[in-house]
Amino acid sequence: MFNFGFAELMIILILALIIFGPGKLPQVGSALGKGISEFKKAARGLQEDLSDTTSAIQEPKKIEAPTKEDKGDKDDKGDKGDVEPQA
């Protein structure tokens, strides 16, 4: 990801020690570690949600033929629909 050599890491650590001091440096490191782990957890959760959503979209839905009960229990004598009898 980043091409940090030993010299670059030492410079960063020395600057952090100068800026934060020896008393605050462990607290800063701990907070930074917790922040990174929470970010990774959130990114992993987002990735799982996206994969679940895309898999749900890609799955074909099964369509079943309507049954007699779904049609409203019409009798088998023949359905004339909503046609009114002519006089």
Foldseek 3Di string as FASTA:
>chain_A
DDPDDPVNVVVVVVVLCVVQNPVCVVVVVVVVVVVVVVVVVVVVVVVVVVVVVVVVVPDDDDDDDDDCVNVPVDDPPDDPDPDDDDD
